[in-house]
Amino acid sequence: MRRQFPSGLLGASLIVLLASCGQRSPGENAQDYANKVGGPAAAPASGSRATSLPQAAANGRKTVTFATPYTQVDASTGVKRGLTLNQDGTFDLLENGQATHGTYTWLPDGKRLRLNGVANRPIVLIANGAIYRLTNENVPIDDLTQDRMYQPAR
């Protein structure tokens, strides 16, 4: 006599299996996800990452140029924004025509820091020759775009 596997149990098992395979931590990049599931990383969407942009520094604490303004000029409005990181753990931020002085805290990876008390893009990724302002610590460190980049003032 042949025993049948209950179809409801099979369907529920497949749903759970597929759901767990498709879940992705909001902080991991394509390569991390590919390593976890054992496949090649998908190419980034067109325009989502420019490989010609400065890449994340191996050690942000040694790469950042302290007491130097990193600036960005909005191409459409001409408004200048700037961020100066000081070695004593303080920062000076010029944004939306307002100057803010505060403290920052390094994140455990040593590549990023958090601007304490800043609501808009409080995470700063240190790159080789630039910095990037990120919305939160879950933005992958290889998701680099021109609109997030600040360069040392010349």
C-alpha atoms as a PDB file:
ATOM      1  CA  MET A   1       0.000   0.000   0.000  1.00  0.00           C
ATOM      2  CA  ARG A   2       1.321   3.422  -0.941  1.00  0.00           C
ATOM      3  CA  ARG A   3       1.363   6.266   1.618  1.00  0.00           C
ATOM      4  CA  GLN A   4       0.831   9.808   0.451  1.00  0.00           C
ATOM      5  CA  PHE A   5       2.505  12.832   1.923  1.00  0.00           C
ATOM      6  CA  PRO A   6      -0.177  15.284   3.098  1.00  0.00           C
ATOM      7  CA  SER A   7      -0.328  18.002   0.429  1.00  0.00           C
ATOM      8  CA  GLY A   8      -1.009  20.767   2.984  1.00  0.00           C
ATOM      9  CA  LEU A   9       2.161  19.919   4.889  1.00  0.00           C
ATOM     10  CA  LEU A  10       4.194  19.851   1.669  1.00  0.00           C
ATOM     11  CA  GLY A  11       2.864  23.260   0.588  1.00  0.00           C
ATOM     12  CA  ALA A  12       3.556  24.816   3.983  1.00  0.00           C
ATOM     13  CA  SER A  13       7.094  23.383   3.996  1.00  0.00           C
ATOM     14  CA  LEU A  14       7.809  24.829   0.553  1.00  0.00           C
ATOM     15  CA  ILE A  15       6.538  28.268   1.565  1.00  0.00           C
ATOM     16  CA  VAL A  16       8.740  28.320   4.688  1.00  0.00           C
ATOM     17  CA  LEU A  17      11.759  27.101   2.712  1.00  0.00           C
ATOM     18  CA  LEU A  18      11.313  29.674  -0.051  1.00  0.00           C
ATOM     19  CA  ALA A  19      10.690  32.504   2.400  1.00  0.00           C
ATOM     20  CA  SER A  20      13.850  31.739   4.361  1.00  0.00           C
ATOM     21  CA  CYS A  21      15.965  31.564   1.195  1.00  0.00           C
ATOM     22  CA  GLY A  22      14.673  34.876  -0.076  1.00  0.00           C
ATOM     23  CA  GLN A  23      15.184  36.873   3.096  1.00  0.00           C
ATOM     24  CA  ARG A  24      18.058  39.292   3.037  1.00  0.00           C
ATOM     25  CA  SER A  25      19.427  41.340   5.873  1.00  0.00           C
ATOM     26  CA  PRO A  26      19.029  45.075   5.090  1.00  0.00           C
ATOM     27  CA  GLY A  27      22.721  45.600   5.827  1.00  0.00           C
ATOM     28  CA  GLU A  28      24.325  43.063   3.539  1.00  0.00           C
ATOM     29  CA  ASN A  29      25.547  43.665   0.027  1.00  0.00           C
ATOM     30  CA  ALA A  30      25.090  41.475  -3.040  1.00  0.00           C
ATOM     31  CA  GLN A  31      28.340  39.539  -2.471  1.00  0.00           C
ATOM     32  CA  ASP A  32      27.473  38.805   1.184  1.00  0.00           C
ATOM     33  CA  TYR A  33      24.110  37.455   0.099  1.00  0.00           C
ATOM     34  CA  ALA A  34      25.661  35.410  -2.715  1.00  0.00           C
ATOM     35  CA  ASN A  35      28.191  33.910  -0.284  1.00  0.00           C
ATOM     36  CA  LYS A  36      25.366  32.942   2.059  1.00  0.00           C
ATOM     37  CA  VAL A  37      23.323  31.183  -0.625  1.00  0.00           C
ATOM     38  CA  GLY A  38      26.319  29.807  -2.542  1.00  0.00           C
ATOM     39  CA  GLY A  39      25.967  31.578  -5.878  1.00  0.00           C
ATOM     40  CA  PRO A  40      27.567  34.415  -7.806  1.00  0.00           C
ATOM     41  CA  ALA A  41      26.690  37.990  -6.914  1.00  0.00           C
ATOM     42  CA  ALA A  42      24.257  39.745  -9.189  1.00  0.00           C
ATOM     43  CA  ALA A  43      25.600  42.780 -10.992  1.00  0.00           C
ATOM     44  CA  PRO A  44      24.475  46.048  -9.430  1.00  0.00           C
ATOM     45  CA  ALA A  45      21.567  47.774 -11.124  1.00  0.00           C
ATOM     46  CA  SER A  46      22.625  50.245 -13.780  1.00  0.00           C
ATOM     47  CA  GLY A  47      23.565  53.565 -12.193  1.00  0.00           C
ATOM     48  CA  SER A  48      23.337  52.271  -8.630  1.00  0.00           C
ATOM     49  CA  ARG A  49      27.094  52.118  -8.158  1.00  0.00           C
ATOM     50  CA  ALA A  50      29.876  53.782 -10.017  1.00  0.00           C
ATOM     51  CA  THR A  51      33.133  51.850  -9.847  1.00  0.00           C
ATOM     52  CA  SER A  52      35.091  54.997 -10.697  1.00  0.00           C
ATOM     53  CA  LEU A  53      34.105  56.612  -7.386  1.00  0.00           C
ATOM     54  CA  PRO A  54      36.505  56.434  -4.415  1.00  0.00           C
ATOM     55  CA  GLN A  55      36.000  53.125  -2.603  1.00  0.00           C
ATOM     56  CA  ALA A  56      35.708  52.501   1.150  1.00  0.00           C
ATOM     57  CA  ALA A  57      39.013  52.718   2.981  1.00  0.00           C
ATOM     58  CA  ALA A  58      40.359  49.614   4.704  1.00  0.00           C
ATOM     59  CA  ASN A  59      40.857  51.651   7.885  1.00  0.00           C
ATOM     60  CA  GLY A  60      38.839  54.857   8.093  1.00  0.00           C
ATOM     61  CA  ARG A  61      40.609  56.092  11.220  1.00  0.00           C
ATOM     62  CA  LYS A  62      43.946  56.153   9.372  1.00  0.00           C
ATOM     63  CA  THR A  63      42.554  57.407   6.054  1.00  0.00           C
ATOM     64  CA  VAL A  64      40.370  60.365   7.035  1.00  0.00           C
ATOM     65  CA  THR A  65      41.995  63.783   6.817  1.00  0.00           C
ATOM     66  CA  PHE A  66      41.057  65.450  10.078  1.00  0.00           C
ATOM     67  CA  ALA A  67      40.380  69.205  10.315  1.00  0.00           C
ATOM     68  CA  THR A  68      39.873  69.408   6.538  1.00  0.00           C
ATOM     69  CA  PRO A  69      36.451  70.373   5.199  1.00  0.00           C
ATOM     70  CA  TYR A  70      34.919  67.735   2.939  1.00  0.00           C
ATOM     71  CA  THR A  71      32.488  69.555   0.655  1.00  0.00           C
ATOM     72  CA  GLN A  72      29.745  68.949  -1.853  1.00  0.00           C
ATOM     73  CA  VAL A  73      28.016  71.432  -4.141  1.00  0.00           C
ATOM     74  CA  ASP A  74      24.452  70.737  -5.237  1.00  0.00           C
ATOM     75  CA  ALA A  75      24.587  70.855  -9.031  1.00  0.00           C
ATOM     76  CA  SER A  76      21.028  72.144  -9.400  1.00  0.00           C
ATOM     77  CA  THR A  77      21.071  74.864  -6.727  1.00  0.00           C
ATOM     78  CA  GLY A  78      24.760  75.652  -6.266  1.00  0.00           C
ATOM     79  CA  VAL A  79      24.336  75.298  -2.495  1.00  0.00           C
ATOM     80  CA  LYS A  80      27.507  74.144  -0.752  1.00  0.00           C
ATOM     81  CA  ARG A  81      27.456  71.569   2.044  1.00  0.00           C
ATOM     82  CA  GLY A  82      30.446  70.645   4.156  1.00  0.00           C
ATOM     83  CA  LEU A  83      31.617  68.371   6.926  1.00  0.00           C
ATOM     84  CA  THR A  84      34.808  68.701   8.944  1.00  0.00           C
ATOM     85  CA  LEU A  85      35.846  65.836  11.206  1.00  0.00           C
ATOM     86  CA  ASN A  86      38.186  66.720  14.049  1.00  0.00           C
ATOM     87  CA  GLN A  87      40.581  64.311  15.723  1.00  0.00           C
ATOM     88  CA  ASP A  88      39.087  65.084  19.151  1.00  0.00           C
ATOM     89  CA  GLY A  89      35.809  63.355  18.208  1.00  0.00           C
ATOM     90  CA  THR A  90      33.908  66.482  17.169  1.00  0.00           C
ATOM     91  CA  PHE A  91      32.522  67.602  13.826  1.00  0.00           C
ATOM     92  CA  ASP A  92      31.370  70.789  12.126  1.00  0.00           C
ATOM     93  CA  LEU A  93      28.567  70.393   9.604  1.00  0.00           C
ATOM     94  CA  LEU A  94      27.242  72.990   7.175  1.00  0.00           C
ATOM     95  CA  GLU A  95      23.935  71.866   5.725  1.00  0.00           C
ATOM     96  CA  ASN A  96      20.827  73.708   4.546  1.00  0.00           C
ATOM     97  CA  GLY A  97      22.500  77.009   5.399  1.00  0.00           C
ATOM     98  CA  GLN A  98      22.927  75.995   9.055  1.00  0.00           C
ATOM     99  CA  ALA A  99      26.112  75.182  10.934  1.00  0.00           C
ATOM    100  CA  THR A 100      26.032  72.353  13.465  1.00  0.00           C
ATOM    101  CA  HIS A 101      28.785  71.369  15.879  1.00  0.00           C
ATOM    102  CA  GLY A 102      28.653  68.002  17.619  1.00  0.00           C
ATOM    103  CA  THR A 103      30.393  64.738  18.400  1.00  0.00           C
ATOM    104  CA  TYR A 104      30.811  61.557  16.406  1.00  0.00           C
ATOM    105  CA  THR A 105      31.274  57.897  17.330  1.00  0.00           C
ATOM    106  CA  TRP A 106      33.174  55.308  15.288  1.00  0.00           C
ATOM    107  CA  LEU A 107      31.205  52.197  14.325  1.00  0.00           C
ATOM    108  CA  PRO A 108      32.852  48.830  15.110  1.00  0.00           C
ATOM    109  CA  ASP A 109      34.001  48.235  11.511  1.00  0.00           C
ATOM    110  CA  GLY A 110      36.363  51.264  11.685  1.00  0.00           C
ATOM    111  CA  LYS A 111      35.214  52.385   8.212  1.00  0.00           C
ATOM    112  CA  ARG A 112      32.183  54.417   9.290  1.00  0.00           C
ATOM    113  CA  LEU A 113      31.182  56.808  12.014  1.00  0.00           C
ATOM    114  CA  ARG A 114      27.914  58.220  13.331  1.00  0.00           C
ATOM    115  CA  LEU A 115      27.295  61.957  13.612  1.00  0.00           C
ATOM    116  CA  ASN A 116      25.555  62.101  16.993  1.00  0.00           C
ATOM    117  CA  GLY A 117      22.403  64.191  17.036  1.00  0.00           C
ATOM    118  CA  VAL A 118      22.150  64.469  13.224  1.00  0.00           C
ATOM    119  CA  ALA A 119      18.871  63.148  11.808  1.00  0.00           C
ATOM    120  CA  ASN A 120      19.583  63.450   8.069  1.00  0.00           C
ATOM    121  CA  ARG A 121      22.256  61.022   6.794  1.00  0.00           C
ATOM    122  CA  PRO A 122      24.070  60.545  10.126  1.00  0.00           C
ATOM    123  CA  ILE A 123      26.452  57.772   8.974  1.00  0.00           C
ATOM    124  CA  VAL A 124      29.740  58.767   7.340  1.00  0.00           C
ATOM    125  CA  LEU A 125      31.735  56.230   5.334  1.00  0.00           C
ATOM    126  CA  ILE A 126      35.421  57.062   4.983  1.00  0.00           C
ATOM    127  CA  ALA A 127      36.762  56.357   1.502  1.00  0.00           C
ATOM    128  CA  ASN A 128      40.110  56.834  -0.174  1.00  0.00           C
ATOM    129  CA  GLY A 129      40.007  60.546  -1.041  1.00  0.00           C
ATOM    130  CA  ALA A 130      36.374  61.215  -0.105  1.00  0.00           C
ATOM    131  CA  ILE A 131      33.628  60.572   2.413  1.00  0.00           C
ATOM    132  CA  TYR A 132      30.025  59.479   1.849  1.00  0.00           C
ATOM    133  CA  ARG A 133      26.990  60.498   3.876  1.00  0.00           C
ATOM    134  CA  LEU A 134      24.650  57.517   4.348  1.00  0.00           C
ATOM    135  CA  THR A 135      21.124  57.313   5.717  1.00  0.00           C
ATOM    136  CA  ASN A 136      21.840  54.526   8.188  1.00  0.00           C
ATOM    137  CA  GLU A 137      24.302  51.778   9.021  1.00  0.00           C
ATOM    138  CA  ASN A 138      22.387  49.250   6.876  1.00  0.00           C
ATOM    139  CA  VAL A 139      23.437  50.909   3.599  1.00  0.00           C
ATOM    140  CA  PRO A 140      26.063  48.566   2.100  1.00  0.00           C
ATOM    141  CA  ILE A 141      29.544  50.086   2.111  1.00  0.00           C
ATOM    142  CA  ASP A 142      29.911  49.360  -1.591  1.00  0.00           C
ATOM    143  CA  ASP A 143      26.693  51.149  -2.565  1.00  0.00           C
ATOM    144  CA  LEU A 144      28.458  54.371  -3.510  1.00  0.00           C
ATOM    145  CA  THR A 145      26.815  57.166  -5.441  1.00  0.00           C
ATOM    146  CA  GLN A 146      27.932  60.624  -6.519  1.00  0.00           C
ATOM    147  CA  ASP A 147      25.106  62.355  -4.612  1.00  0.00           C
ATOM    148  CA  ARG A 148      26.392  60.983  -1.291  1.00  0.00           C
ATOM    149  CA  MET A 149      30.051  61.918  -1.877  1.00  0.00           C
ATOM    150  CA  TYR A 150      31.940  64.813  -0.282  1.00  0.00           C
ATOM    151  CA  GLN A 151      35.523  65.591  -1.316  1.00  0.00           C
ATOM    152  CA  PRO A 152      38.273  67.512   0.476  1.00  0.00           C
ATOM    153  CA  ALA A 153      38.015  71.239  -0.185  1.00  0.00           C
ATOM    154  CA  ARG A 154      40.669  72.546  -2.538  1.00  0.00           C
END
